[in-house]
């Protein structure tokens, strides 16, 4: 397991804050209130461990298959339904949404290999990521991949806690399945808009792994 580059500053700041708080706790509290000082130590250590866990990149055997669409994110499948996309396609699409809790791995990966033909950031609200309106009203970044003339859209969506979406893709890039497309900090959601009729291989409520679980077949 390694730590993602997006976490270096956050983990460094957390380390400094935890060290300062516990230094002050030992200096002012330990002699007369050792129990309080110990509680502070446990709480701040828990925060530090959470930060390490949030920015982790676990070692996994990723799934590479040109005939399949792979889950771009860890989390739970919360939506499988037809919808009308008004951002790019302007027609009906099959939407599959994955909700990412703060405990999930938050690296986002390319679901397919192909050409990036659209990559756009949209400022917006910070509704809870499981709310249906979050797909169109929250801060988000949309990417469209073109694969052998067929296009799919993958949308990174900020949640109530997320305040930064990182996306590394630009139009014209040729990308490979399983490589990093971006990162979302502190809870979020990823939507995929697929051609109607795509064979979805996941089910509602299923827990999936980014870069590993087969989401659909062409």
Protein backbone atom coordinates (compact mmCIF):
# COMPACT_ATOMS: atom_id res chain seq x y z
CA UNK A 1 0.00 0.00 0.00
CA UNK A 2 1.19 3.51 -0.83
CA UNK A 3 -0.10 7.03 -0.07
CA UNK A 4 -1.60 9.11 -2.88
CA UNK A 5 0.17 12.35 -3.81
CA UNK A 6 -3.04 14.31 -3.11
CA UNK A 7 -2.67 13.38 0.55
CA UNK A 8 0.86 14.60 1.22
CA UNK A 9 -0.11 18.13 2.30
CA UNK A 10 -3.19 17.01 4.28
CA UNK A 11 -1.29 14.27 6.11
CA UNK A 12 1.63 16.59 6.80
CA UNK A 13 -0.67 19.26 8.27
CA UNK A 14 -2.53 16.67 10.33
CA UNK A 15 0.77 15.35 11.70
CA UNK A 16 1.81 18.85 12.78
CA UNK A 17 -1.56 19.57 14.42
CA UNK A 18 -1.67 16.21 16.21
CA UNK A 19 1.89 16.70 17.46
CA UNK A 20 1.15 20.22 18.70
CA UNK A 21 -2.10 19.25 20.44
CA UNK A 22 -0.47 16.34 22.25
CA UNK A 23 2.59 18.37 23.23
CA UNK A 24 0.33 20.98 24.84
CA UNK A 25 -1.76 18.22 26.41
CA UNK A 26 1.27 16.63 28.06
CA UNK A 27 2.62 20.01 29.18
CA UNK A 28 -0.58 21.36 30.71
CA UNK A 29 -2.78 18.35 31.53
CA UNK A 30 -0.76 15.21 32.14
CA UNK A 31 0.31 15.98 35.71
CA UNK A 32 -3.22 16.64 37.01
CA UNK A 33 -5.56 15.15 34.40
CA UNK A 34 -3.79 12.15 32.83
CA UNK A 35 -7.07 10.54 31.74
CA UNK A 36 -8.06 13.62 29.75
CA UNK A 37 -4.62 13.75 28.17
CA UNK A 38 -4.87 10.07 27.23
CA UNK A 39 -8.31 10.60 25.62
CA UNK A 40 -6.89 13.47 23.58
CA UNK A 41 -4.00 11.25 22.47
CA UNK A 42 -6.32 8.43 21.37
CA UNK A 43 -8.70 10.82 19.53
CA UNK A 44 -5.96 12.64 17.65
CA UNK A 45 -4.14 9.41 16.81
CA UNK A 46 -7.42 8.09 15.40
CA UNK A 47 -7.70 11.20 13.20
CA UNK A 48 -4.13 10.70 11.94
CA UNK A 49 -4.79 7.04 11.12
CA UNK A 50 -8.00 8.01 9.29
CA UNK A 51 -6.06 10.47 7.12
CA UNK A 52 -3.54 7.78 6.20
CA UNK A 53 -6.36 5.38 5.38
CA UNK A 54 -8.28 7.91 3.29
CA UNK A 55 -5.35 8.59 0.97
CA UNK A 56 -4.24 4.97 0.66
CA UNK A 57 -3.63 3.24 -2.65
CA UNK A 58 -3.95 -0.51 -1.96
CA UNK A 59 -2.02 -3.05 -4.01
CA UNK A 60 -4.54 -4.74 -6.32
CA UNK A 61 -4.53 -6.83 -9.47
CA UNK A 62 -6.48 -4.55 -11.81
CA UNK A 63 -8.83 -5.88 -14.49
CA UNK A 64 -7.78 -5.02 -18.05
CA UNK A 65 -10.28 -6.08 -20.74
CA UNK A 66 -11.17 -4.06 -23.84
CA UNK A 67 -14.58 -5.71 -24.00
CA UNK A 68 -15.57 -4.60 -20.51
CA UNK A 69 -16.24 -1.35 -18.64
CA UNK A 70 -14.54 -1.43 -15.25
CA UNK A 71 -15.74 0.38 -12.13
CA UNK A 72 -13.91 3.72 -11.88
CA UNK A 73 -14.29 3.95 -8.10
CA UNK A 74 -14.64 2.00 -4.87
CA UNK A 75 -18.00 2.14 -3.12
CA UNK A 76 -21.58 0.93 -3.32
CA UNK A 77 -23.82 0.90 -6.40
CA UNK A 78 -26.76 3.17 -5.58
CA UNK A 79 -28.36 3.84 -8.99
CA UNK A 80 -29.01 1.75 -12.11
CA UNK A 81 -31.60 3.46 -14.30
CA UNK A 82 -32.27 5.20 -17.59
CA UNK A 83 -31.94 8.98 -17.55
CA UNK A 84 -31.88 11.88 -19.99
CA UNK A 85 -28.49 13.56 -20.11
CA UNK A 86 -28.61 17.30 -20.82
CA UNK A 87 -24.90 18.03 -20.42
CA UNK A 88 -23.31 16.25 -23.37
CA UNK A 89 -25.39 13.59 -25.12
CA UNK A 90 -28.82 15.28 -24.99
CA UNK A 91 -30.54 11.92 -25.18
CA UNK A 92 -31.32 8.87 -23.05
CA UNK A 93 -28.47 7.09 -21.30
CA UNK A 94 -28.12 4.26 -18.81
CA UNK A 95 -26.87 5.70 -15.53
CA UNK A 96 -24.89 3.67 -13.01
CA UNK A 97 -23.85 5.52 -9.83
CA UNK A 98 -21.32 4.51 -7.19
CA UNK A 99 -21.43 6.15 -3.75
CA UNK A 100 -18.06 6.55 -2.03
CA UNK A 101 -18.07 6.85 1.77
CA UNK A 102 -15.14 8.49 3.62
CA UNK A 103 -13.86 4.97 4.41
CA UNK A 104 -13.52 3.96 0.74
CA UNK A 105 -10.41 4.28 -1.40
CA UNK A 106 -10.87 7.60 -3.26
CA UNK A 107 -8.61 7.11 -6.26
CA UNK A 108 -10.69 7.23 -9.47
CA UNK A 109 -9.56 5.16 -12.47
CA UNK A 110 -10.32 5.07 -16.18
CA UNK A 111 -13.17 2.67 -16.81
CA UNK A 112 -12.01 2.06 -20.39
CA UNK A 113 -9.09 2.66 -22.73
CA UNK A 114 -9.75 5.30 -25.37
CA UNK A 115 -9.59 8.96 -26.30
CA UNK A 116 -10.73 11.75 -23.98
CA UNK A 117 -13.02 13.98 -26.06
CA UNK A 118 -14.54 16.09 -23.26
CA UNK A 119 -13.27 17.08 -19.82
CA UNK A 120 -15.10 19.88 -18.03
CA UNK A 121 -15.36 21.13 -14.45
CA UNK A 122 -18.73 22.45 -13.17
CA UNK A 123 -18.96 24.44 -9.92
CA UNK A 124 -22.05 23.70 -7.87
CA UNK A 125 -23.66 22.80 -4.56
CA UNK A 126 -22.59 20.29 -1.91
CA UNK A 127 -25.72 18.21 -1.44
CA UNK A 128 -25.34 14.76 0.11
CA UNK A 129 -23.83 12.53 -2.59
CA UNK A 130 -26.69 10.00 -2.42
CA UNK A 131 -29.26 12.68 -3.31
CA UNK A 132 -30.47 12.30 -6.95
CA UNK A 133 -30.05 16.05 -7.55
CA UNK A 134 -26.34 15.84 -6.70
CA UNK A 135 -25.72 14.42 -10.17
CA UNK A 136 -26.67 17.70 -11.84
CA UNK A 137 -26.47 20.34 -9.10
CA UNK A 138 -23.30 19.53 -7.13
CA UNK A 139 -19.74 20.49 -7.95
CA UNK A 140 -18.57 17.92 -10.49
CA UNK A 141 -16.12 17.09 -13.26
CA UNK A 142 -17.31 15.23 -16.36
CA UNK A 143 -15.13 13.23 -18.75
CA UNK A 144 -16.23 11.60 -22.00
CA UNK A 145 -14.24 8.68 -23.40
CA UNK A 146 -14.54 7.61 -27.04
CA UNK A 147 -13.94 3.93 -27.69
CA UNK A 148 -14.24 2.67 -31.27
CA UNK A 149 -16.83 5.32 -32.08
CA UNK A 150 -18.87 4.79 -28.90
CA UNK A 151 -18.82 7.30 -26.06
CA UNK A 152 -19.36 7.01 -22.31
CA UNK A 153 -19.39 9.78 -19.71
CA UNK A 154 -17.87 9.45 -16.24
CA UNK A 155 -18.78 12.14 -13.74
CA UNK A 156 -16.92 12.82 -10.47
CA UNK A 157 -19.36 14.44 -8.04
CA UNK A 158 -18.55 16.24 -4.79
CA UNK A 159 -20.61 15.32 -1.73
CA UNK A 160 -21.52 17.11 1.48
CA UNK A 161 -17.98 16.70 2.83
CA UNK A 162 -16.01 16.77 -0.42
CA UNK A 163 -14.55 20.15 -1.26
CA UNK A 164 -12.02 19.31 -3.92
CA UNK A 165 -12.27 17.27 -7.10
CA UNK A 166 -8.95 16.47 -8.78
CA UNK A 167 -9.04 15.40 -12.43
CA UNK A 168 -5.96 14.71 -14.54
CA UNK A 169 -7.51 14.32 -18.00
CA UNK A 170 -7.66 16.75 -20.91
CA UNK A 171 -9.38 16.48 -24.31
CA UNK A 172 -7.24 14.72 -26.88
CA UNK A 173 -5.45 12.46 -24.42
CA UNK A 174 -5.23 8.73 -25.12
CA UNK A 175 -5.70 6.89 -21.83
CA UNK A 176 -5.47 3.33 -20.62
CA UNK A 177 -8.01 1.35 -18.63
CA UNK A 178 -7.16 1.25 -14.94
CA UNK A 179 -4.88 4.28 -14.91
CA UNK A 180 -5.74 7.19 -12.59
CA UNK A 181 -8.26 9.70 -13.86
CA UNK A 182 -8.46 11.69 -10.63
CA UNK A 183 -9.19 11.83 -6.91
CA UNK A 184 -12.02 13.24 -4.77
CA UNK A 185 -11.39 14.34 -1.19
CA UNK A 186 -13.69 13.24 1.64
CA UNK A 187 -16.81 11.46 0.45
CA UNK A 188 -18.36 11.62 -2.97
CA UNK A 189 -20.02 9.83 -5.87
CA UNK A 190 -19.16 8.76 -9.41
CA UNK A 191 -21.79 8.47 -12.18
CA UNK A 192 -21.36 6.62 -15.46
CA UNK A 193 -23.61 7.37 -18.42
CA UNK A 194 -23.59 4.42 -20.81
CA UNK A 195 -25.39 3.70 -24.10
CA UNK A 196 -28.89 2.33 -23.50
CA UNK A 197 -28.75 -1.43 -23.85
CA UNK A 198 -25.30 -1.83 -22.29
CA UNK A 199 -25.11 -5.09 -20.33
CA UNK A 200 -24.66 -4.03 -16.70
CA UNK A 201 -22.87 -6.64 -14.57
CA UNK A 202 -23.35 -5.07 -11.13
CA UNK A 203 -26.48 -4.85 -8.99
CA UNK A 204 -27.98 -2.26 -6.64
CA UNK A 205 -26.33 -2.32 -3.23
CA UNK A 206 -23.27 -4.20 -4.50
CA UNK A 207 -19.88 -3.17 -3.11
CA UNK A 208 -17.36 -2.63 -5.91
CA UNK A 209 -13.65 -1.90 -6.28
CA UNK A 210 -12.25 0.71 -8.65
CA UNK A 211 -10.10 -0.76 -11.39
CA UNK A 212 -11.12 -4.29 -10.44
CA UNK A 213 -14.89 -4.93 -10.58
CA UNK A 214 -16.49 -5.36 -14.01
CA UNK A 215 -19.31 -2.83 -14.21
CA UNK A 216 -20.62 -3.62 -17.70
CA UNK A 217 -19.88 -5.18 -21.07
CA UNK A 218 -20.08 -3.43 -24.44
